[in-house]
C-alpha cells in the first residue's frame, strides 16, 4: 500500500465528501477557488460543521461546473455564492 501521508488522506476524505476524485478535487481547490473559498470548504468538513456543509458543497460545485461550462461552451465566468453571513 502506498503511503499517501496526512495531507493526502485529507484530500482523499474531502474529495469523497464532495463526490469527486482526488485529482478533480485538487484541481478545483488549487486553481478555481479563492483562498477564502478554499479555507471555508476545508474548514467546514474538518470541523464537521454540518450546518455549513451544503454551502461548502454548493461553492465547490459552482467552481467545478463553471470550469466545465467555460471549457465546453466558452462562456464567461459567473460569480460564486457569497460567503457573507457564513
N, C-alpha and C. Protein backbone atom coordinates (compact mmCIF):
# COMPACT_ATOMS: atom_id res chain seq x y z
N UNK A 1 0.83 -1.18 0.00
CA UNK A 1 0.00 0.00 0.00
C UNK A 1 0.87 1.25 0.00
N UNK A 2 0.52 2.19 -0.84
CA UNK A 2 1.29 3.42 -0.97
C UNK A 2 1.02 4.35 0.22
N UNK A 3 2.06 4.94 0.77
CA UNK A 3 1.92 5.89 1.87
C UNK A 3 1.58 7.26 1.29
N UNK A 4 0.35 7.71 1.54
CA UNK A 4 -0.08 8.99 0.95
C UNK A 4 0.10 10.16 1.91
N UNK A 5 0.40 9.90 3.14
CA UNK A 5 0.65 10.97 4.10
C UNK A 5 -0.62 11.63 4.60
N UNK A 6 -0.45 12.50 5.57
CA UNK A 6 -1.58 13.17 6.21
C UNK A 6 -2.37 14.03 5.23
N UNK A 7 -1.67 14.86 4.45
CA UNK A 7 -2.38 15.75 3.52
C UNK A 7 -3.07 14.96 2.41
N UNK A 8 -2.47 13.87 2.00
CA UNK A 8 -3.10 13.00 1.01
C UNK A 8 -4.38 12.39 1.54
N UNK A 9 -4.36 12.00 2.81
CA UNK A 9 -5.57 11.44 3.43
C UNK A 9 -6.66 12.50 3.55
N UNK A 10 -6.27 13.72 3.90
CA UNK A 10 -7.25 14.81 3.99
C UNK A 10 -7.85 15.08 2.62
N UNK A 11 -7.01 15.16 1.59
CA UNK A 11 -7.50 15.37 0.22
C UNK A 11 -8.47 14.27 -0.18
N UNK A 12 -8.11 13.03 0.10
CA UNK A 12 -8.95 11.90 -0.24
C UNK A 12 -10.30 11.99 0.47
N UNK A 13 -10.27 12.31 1.76
CA UNK A 13 -11.50 12.41 2.55
C UNK A 13 -12.39 13.54 2.04
N UNK A 14 -11.82 14.70 1.79
CA UNK A 14 -12.61 15.83 1.31
C UNK A 14 -13.15 15.58 -0.10
N UNK A 15 -12.36 14.97 -0.95
CA UNK A 15 -12.83 14.63 -2.29
C UNK A 15 -14.03 13.70 -2.20
N UNK A 16 -13.95 12.72 -1.33
CA UNK A 16 -15.06 11.79 -1.16
C UNK A 16 -16.31 12.51 -0.64
N UNK A 17 -16.14 13.41 0.31
CA UNK A 17 -17.27 14.19 0.85
C UNK A 17 -17.92 15.04 -0.25
N UNK A 18 -17.10 15.51 -1.19
CA UNK A 18 -17.60 16.37 -2.27
C UNK A 18 -18.02 15.59 -3.51
N UNK A 19 -17.83 14.28 -3.49
CA UNK A 19 -18.29 13.43 -4.58
C UNK A 19 -17.47 13.47 -5.85
N UNK A 20 -16.18 13.73 -5.70
CA UNK A 20 -15.28 13.75 -6.86
C UNK A 20 -14.02 12.95 -6.56
N UNK A 21 -13.21 12.70 -7.58
CA UNK A 21 -11.94 12.03 -7.36
C UNK A 21 -10.91 13.04 -6.85
N UNK A 22 -9.81 12.55 -6.33
CA UNK A 22 -8.80 13.41 -5.71
C UNK A 22 -8.20 14.39 -6.71
N UNK A 23 -7.95 13.95 -7.93
CA UNK A 23 -7.37 14.86 -8.94
C UNK A 23 -8.31 16.03 -9.24
N UNK A 24 -9.60 15.74 -9.36
CA UNK A 24 -10.58 16.80 -9.62
C UNK A 24 -10.66 17.74 -8.43
N UNK A 25 -10.70 17.18 -7.24
CA UNK A 25 -10.73 17.99 -6.01
C UNK A 25 -9.53 18.94 -5.97
N UNK A 26 -8.34 18.38 -6.16
CA UNK A 26 -7.13 19.21 -6.12
C UNK A 26 -7.14 20.29 -7.18
N UNK A 27 -7.58 19.97 -8.38
CA UNK A 27 -7.62 20.95 -9.47
C UNK A 27 -8.55 22.12 -9.12
N UNK A 28 -9.74 21.80 -8.64
CA UNK A 28 -10.71 22.86 -8.30
C UNK A 28 -10.20 23.70 -7.14
N UNK A 29 -9.75 23.05 -6.08
CA UNK A 29 -9.26 23.77 -4.89
C UNK A 29 -8.05 24.63 -5.21
N UNK A 30 -7.11 24.12 -5.99
CA UNK A 30 -5.87 24.84 -6.25
C UNK A 30 -5.98 25.86 -7.37
N UNK A 31 -6.90 25.67 -8.32
CA UNK A 31 -6.93 26.54 -9.50
C UNK A 31 -8.19 27.36 -9.68
N UNK A 32 -9.27 27.00 -9.03
CA UNK A 32 -10.52 27.68 -9.28
C UNK A 32 -11.08 28.43 -8.08
N UNK A 33 -10.77 27.97 -6.89
CA UNK A 33 -11.28 28.60 -5.67
C UNK A 33 -10.33 29.70 -5.20
N UNK A 34 -10.91 30.73 -4.60
CA UNK A 34 -10.09 31.74 -3.96
C UNK A 34 -9.53 31.16 -2.67
N UNK A 35 -8.60 31.86 -2.08
CA UNK A 35 -8.05 31.43 -0.80
C UNK A 35 -9.16 31.25 0.22
N UNK A 36 -10.07 32.22 0.31
CA UNK A 36 -11.14 32.19 1.31
C UNK A 36 -12.14 31.07 1.03
N UNK A 37 -12.45 30.82 -0.23
CA UNK A 37 -13.35 29.71 -0.56
C UNK A 37 -12.72 28.38 -0.17
N UNK A 38 -11.43 28.23 -0.47
CA UNK A 38 -10.71 27.02 -0.11
C UNK A 38 -10.70 26.82 1.40
N UNK A 39 -10.37 27.88 2.13
CA UNK A 39 -10.34 27.81 3.58
C UNK A 39 -11.72 27.43 4.13
N UNK A 40 -12.77 28.03 3.58
CA UNK A 40 -14.12 27.73 4.04
C UNK A 40 -14.47 26.27 3.80
N UNK A 41 -14.25 25.78 2.59
CA UNK A 41 -14.61 24.40 2.23
C UNK A 41 -13.87 23.41 3.12
N UNK A 42 -12.57 23.57 3.25
CA UNK A 42 -11.77 22.63 4.03
C UNK A 42 -12.16 22.69 5.51
N UNK A 43 -12.29 23.89 6.04
CA UNK A 43 -12.60 24.05 7.46
C UNK A 43 -13.96 23.47 7.81
N UNK A 44 -14.94 23.68 6.95
CA UNK A 44 -16.29 23.17 7.22
C UNK A 44 -16.27 21.66 7.42
N UNK A 45 -15.57 20.95 6.52
CA UNK A 45 -15.56 19.49 6.62
C UNK A 45 -14.66 18.99 7.74
N UNK A 46 -13.53 19.62 7.95
CA UNK A 46 -12.64 19.17 9.02
C UNK A 46 -13.24 19.44 10.40
N UNK A 47 -14.00 20.53 10.51
CA UNK A 47 -14.64 20.86 11.79
C UNK A 47 -16.01 20.21 11.95
N UNK A 48 -16.42 19.43 10.94
CA UNK A 48 -17.73 18.76 10.96
C UNK A 48 -18.88 19.74 11.18
N UNK A 49 -18.81 20.88 10.47
CA UNK A 49 -19.86 21.90 10.57
C UNK A 49 -21.02 21.51 9.67
N UNK A 50 -21.87 20.64 10.15
CA UNK A 50 -22.98 20.13 9.35
C UNK A 50 -23.93 21.23 8.90
N UNK A 51 -23.98 22.33 9.66
CA UNK A 51 -24.84 23.45 9.29
C UNK A 51 -24.31 24.22 8.08
N UNK A 52 -23.06 24.01 7.70
CA UNK A 52 -22.47 24.75 6.59
C UNK A 52 -22.01 23.85 5.44
N UNK A 53 -22.18 22.54 5.57
CA UNK A 53 -21.70 21.61 4.54
C UNK A 53 -22.40 21.81 3.20
N UNK A 54 -23.70 22.08 3.22
CA UNK A 54 -24.40 22.31 1.95
C UNK A 54 -23.84 23.53 1.23
N UNK A 55 -23.54 24.60 1.96
CA UNK A 55 -22.96 25.81 1.37
C UNK A 55 -21.57 25.51 0.80
N UNK A 56 -20.77 24.74 1.52
CA UNK A 56 -19.43 24.39 1.04
C UNK A 56 -19.53 23.55 -0.23
N UNK A 57 -20.46 22.60 -0.25
CA UNK A 57 -20.66 21.78 -1.45
C UNK A 57 -21.12 22.64 -2.63
N UNK A 58 -22.00 23.59 -2.35
CA UNK A 58 -22.51 24.48 -3.41
C UNK A 58 -21.38 25.31 -4.01
N UNK A 59 -20.53 25.87 -3.17
CA UNK A 59 -19.39 26.66 -3.66
C UNK A 59 -18.49 25.78 -4.52
N UNK A 60 -18.16 24.59 -4.02
CA UNK A 60 -17.28 23.68 -4.77
C UNK A 60 -17.91 23.30 -6.10
N UNK A 61 -19.19 22.92 -6.09
CA UNK A 61 -19.87 22.51 -7.32
C UNK A 61 -19.95 23.66 -8.33
N UNK A 62 -20.19 24.87 -7.85
CA UNK A 62 -20.23 26.02 -8.75
C UNK A 62 -18.89 26.23 -9.43
N UNK A 63 -17.81 26.08 -8.69
CA UNK A 63 -16.47 26.21 -9.27
C UNK A 63 -16.20 25.08 -10.26
N UNK A 64 -16.59 23.87 -9.88
CA UNK A 64 -16.41 22.71 -10.75
C UNK A 64 -17.22 22.87 -12.03
N UNK A 65 -18.49 23.21 -11.91
CA UNK A 65 -19.37 23.36 -13.06
C UNK A 65 -19.00 24.56 -13.91
N UNK A 66 -18.52 25.63 -13.28
CA UNK A 66 -18.09 26.81 -14.01
C UNK A 66 -16.94 26.46 -14.94
N UNK A 67 -16.01 25.66 -14.46
CA UNK A 67 -14.88 25.24 -15.29
C UNK A 67 -15.33 24.37 -16.45
N UNK A 68 -16.31 23.50 -16.20
CA UNK A 68 -16.82 22.64 -17.26
C UNK A 68 -17.57 23.46 -18.31
N UNK A 69 -18.35 24.45 -17.85
CA UNK A 69 -19.08 25.31 -18.80
C UNK A 69 -18.12 26.12 -19.64
N UNK A 70 -17.10 26.70 -18.98
CA UNK A 70 -16.13 27.51 -19.73
C UNK A 70 -15.40 26.67 -20.75
N UNK A 71 -15.08 25.46 -20.39
CA UNK A 71 -14.36 24.58 -21.30
C UNK A 71 -15.25 24.14 -22.46
N UNK A 72 -16.48 23.76 -22.17
CA UNK A 72 -17.34 23.21 -23.21
C UNK A 72 -18.09 24.27 -24.00
N UNK A 73 -18.43 25.40 -23.36
CA UNK A 73 -19.25 26.40 -24.03
C UNK A 73 -18.51 27.71 -24.28
N UNK A 74 -17.32 27.84 -23.72
CA UNK A 74 -16.55 29.07 -23.86
C UNK A 74 -17.31 30.26 -23.32
N UNK A 75 -18.05 30.06 -22.23
CA UNK A 75 -18.85 31.13 -21.64
C UNK A 75 -18.02 31.93 -20.64
N UNK A 76 -18.60 33.04 -20.18
CA UNK A 76 -17.91 33.85 -19.18
C UNK A 76 -18.19 33.31 -17.80
N UNK A 77 -17.31 33.60 -16.88
CA UNK A 77 -17.44 33.11 -15.50
C UNK A 77 -18.57 33.81 -14.78
N UNK A 78 -19.34 33.03 -14.02
CA UNK A 78 -20.35 33.57 -13.13
C UNK A 78 -19.75 33.67 -11.75
N UNK A 79 -20.27 34.58 -10.96
CA UNK A 79 -19.73 34.72 -9.61
C UNK A 79 -20.21 33.57 -8.73
N UNK A 80 -19.39 33.25 -7.74
CA UNK A 80 -19.75 32.17 -6.81
C UNK A 80 -20.68 32.71 -5.75
N UNK A 81 -21.36 31.82 -5.04
CA UNK A 81 -22.22 32.28 -3.95
C UNK A 81 -21.42 33.08 -2.93
N UNK A 82 -22.02 34.08 -2.39
CA UNK A 82 -21.35 34.93 -1.43
C UNK A 82 -21.06 34.18 -0.15
N UNK A 83 -19.93 34.49 0.45
CA UNK A 83 -19.58 33.90 1.74
C UNK A 83 -20.09 34.76 2.88
N UNK A 84 -20.76 35.89 2.57
CA UNK A 84 -21.28 36.74 3.62
C UNK A 84 -22.32 36.00 4.44
N UNK A 85 -22.31 36.21 5.70
CA UNK A 85 -23.25 35.58 6.59
C UNK A 85 -22.95 34.13 6.89
N UNK A 86 -21.76 33.66 6.51
CA UNK A 86 -21.40 32.27 6.74
C UNK A 86 -20.67 32.16 8.05
